[in-house]
Amino acid sequence: KHFLNDDQKISKTEKDFKSVYKKIKKNKKYFISIKDIIVLESLIADGISLPEDLDYNALFSQLTVPKNLEDLASQNQIGLVMLKIVEIIGEDNIRDLDPETVYFLNRILNDLNLKKIRNSILNEALPTRV
C-alpha cells in the first residue's frame, strides 16, 4: 500500500510492516528474496524504521549497481540517469525485468530521491499484496 498511496502515513506503514515481519520471522522456511530487499531499501529511503534484528545491510551488500549508473547518480546527473533507465527498460514490459535489474533501478532512483518514478516502477514490477 505504501507505494500505491501517496497519502499513506509512515506510522501506518511501519505498523503494517512490523505485523508482516512478525509473521515472516515465525516462518522458518521463508527466505528473503531480491524483491523483498527492493521493498526494504525503499522503505528505508522513505524514512521507515526497520526492526533492529533484521540484518538488512548484509542482504543489500550482495547486490550490485552498474558503476556507470552509480557515477551518474553520485554526480546528480538526473537527465542522463533517466536516459539510461529508458535505454535499460527499452520496449520491455517492466513486469518482465529480472529482479536484479529492478533492484539497481530502484537503488538509483532512491539515491536521486525520485520516489514517484520509483513507485511507478515498483507498482509494475512487484506483486501487489494489499
Protein backbone atom coordinates (compact mmCIF):
# COMPACT_ATOMS: atom_id res chain seq x y z
CA LYS A 1 0.00 0.00 0.00
CA HIS A 2 2.83 2.37 0.83
CA PHE A 3 3.98 2.62 -2.78
CA LEU A 4 0.43 2.84 -4.16
CA ASN A 5 -0.91 5.66 -1.97
CA ASP A 6 0.95 8.95 -1.75
CA ASP A 7 -1.07 9.88 1.33
CA GLN A 8 -0.20 6.69 3.28
CA LYS A 9 1.17 7.73 6.68
CA ILE A 10 4.61 6.47 7.68
CA SER A 11 3.34 5.35 11.09
CA LYS A 12 0.68 3.18 9.40
CA THR A 13 3.28 1.69 7.06
CA GLU A 14 5.62 0.94 9.99
CA LYS A 15 2.79 -0.75 11.89
CA ASP A 16 1.82 -2.83 8.83
CA PHE A 17 5.45 -3.79 8.19
CA LYS A 18 6.05 -4.89 11.79
CA SER A 19 2.94 -7.06 11.62
CA VAL A 20 4.11 -8.73 8.40
CA TYR A 21 7.67 -9.08 9.71
CA LYS A 22 6.45 -10.94 12.81
CA LYS A 23 4.69 -13.47 10.57
CA ILE A 24 7.74 -13.84 8.32
CA LYS A 25 10.05 -14.29 11.30
CA LYS A 26 7.92 -17.17 12.60
CA ASN A 27 8.05 -18.94 9.23
CA LYS A 28 11.42 -20.72 9.27
CA LYS A 29 11.06 -21.75 5.61
CA TYR A 30 10.75 -18.16 4.38
CA PHE A 31 13.77 -16.72 2.60
CA ILE A 32 14.22 -13.06 1.78
CA SER A 33 14.14 -12.54 -1.98
CA ILE A 34 15.58 -9.73 -4.09
CA LYS A 35 12.07 -8.30 -4.36
CA ASP A 36 11.88 -8.21 -0.55
CA ILE A 37 15.21 -6.38 -0.48
CA ILE A 38 13.86 -3.86 -3.01
CA VAL A 39 10.90 -3.15 -0.73
CA LEU A 40 13.12 -2.91 2.38
CA GLU A 41 15.50 -0.48 0.73
CA SER A 42 12.62 1.68 -0.49
CA LEU A 43 11.03 1.73 2.95
CA ILE A 44 14.34 2.87 4.44
CA ALA A 45 14.62 5.60 1.77
CA ASP A 46 11.13 6.76 2.75
CA GLY A 47 12.10 7.07 6.41
CA ILE A 48 10.54 3.86 7.72
CA SER A 49 12.46 2.32 10.62
CA LEU A 50 13.09 -1.40 10.33
CA PRO A 51 13.34 -3.84 13.26
CA GLU A 52 16.82 -3.98 14.79
CA ASP A 53 17.04 -7.76 14.45
CA LEU A 54 16.63 -7.55 10.67
CA ASP A 55 20.18 -7.53 9.26
CA TYR A 56 19.34 -5.73 6.04
CA ASN A 57 22.89 -4.43 5.41
CA ALA A 58 24.09 -7.99 4.87
CA LEU A 59 21.24 -8.51 2.40
CA PHE A 60 21.97 -5.31 0.44
CA SER A 61 25.71 -5.95 0.24
CA GLN A 62 25.22 -8.95 -2.04
CA LEU A 63 23.60 -6.89 -4.81
CA THR A 64 25.36 -4.50 -7.17
CA VAL A 65 24.55 -1.47 -9.27
CA PRO A 66 26.36 -0.81 -12.58
CA LYS A 67 29.30 1.52 -11.94
CA ASN A 68 28.35 3.96 -14.71
CA LEU A 69 24.88 4.47 -13.21
CA GLU A 70 26.32 4.89 -9.71
CA ASP A 71 28.75 7.51 -11.01
CA LEU A 72 26.00 9.44 -12.80
CA ALA A 73 23.80 9.34 -9.69
CA SER A 74 26.65 10.50 -7.43
CA GLN A 75 27.18 13.43 -9.81
CA ASN A 76 23.42 14.14 -9.64
CA GLN A 77 23.10 13.74 -13.43
CA ILE A 78 19.35 13.10 -13.28
CA GLY A 79 18.76 13.63 -17.01
CA LEU A 80 21.47 11.17 -18.05
CA VAL A 81 20.31 8.64 -15.45
CA MET A 82 16.76 8.85 -16.78
CA LEU A 83 18.01 8.33 -20.34
CA LYS A 84 19.94 5.25 -19.19
CA ILE A 85 16.84 3.93 -17.41
CA VAL A 86 14.76 4.39 -20.56
CA GLU A 87 17.52 2.62 -22.51
CA ILE A 88 17.58 -0.27 -20.00
CA ILE A 89 13.83 -0.74 -19.96
CA GLY A 90 13.54 -0.11 -23.70
CA GLU A 91 10.44 -1.65 -25.18
CA ASP A 92 10.25 -4.32 -22.47
CA ASN A 93 7.37 -4.56 -20.09
CA ILE A 94 8.54 -3.56 -16.61
CA ARG A 95 6.93 -6.74 -15.26
CA ASP A 96 9.33 -8.77 -17.42
CA LEU A 97 12.52 -7.23 -15.98
CA ASP A 98 14.61 -9.54 -13.83
CA PRO A 99 14.74 -8.75 -10.08
CA GLU A 100 18.41 -7.67 -10.24
CA THR A 101 17.57 -5.00 -12.84
CA VAL A 102 14.59 -3.78 -10.81
CA TYR A 103 16.90 -3.66 -7.76
CA PHE A 104 19.51 -1.41 -9.32
CA LEU A 105 16.89 0.84 -10.94
CA ASN A 106 15.23 1.15 -7.54
CA ARG A 107 18.56 1.84 -5.82
CA ILE A 108 19.49 4.62 -8.26
CA LEU A 109 16.03 6.22 -8.04
CA ASN A 110 16.22 6.11 -4.23
CA ASP A 111 19.68 7.72 -4.32
CA LEU A 112 18.32 10.53 -6.51
CA ASN A 113 15.14 10.86 -4.42
CA LEU A 114 12.94 10.23 -7.48
CA LYS A 115 10.23 8.49 -5.49
CA LYS A 116 7.29 8.98 -7.86
CA ILE A 117 9.18 7.31 -10.70
CA ARG A 118 10.43 4.60 -8.32
CA ASN A 119 6.91 3.95 -7.08
CA SER A 120 5.61 3.66 -10.65
CA ILE A 121 8.26 1.06 -11.45
CA LEU A 122 7.63 -0.83 -8.19
CA ASN A 123 3.88 -0.87 -8.82
CA GLU A 124 4.54 -2.57 -12.15
CA ALA A 125 7.42 -4.84 -11.16
CA LEU A 126 6.34 -6.18 -7.78
CA PRO A 127 3.32 -8.32 -7.00
CA THR A 128 0.59 -6.38 -5.24
CA ARG A 129 -0.23 -7.62 -1.77
CA VAL A 130 -2.71 -5.34 -0.11
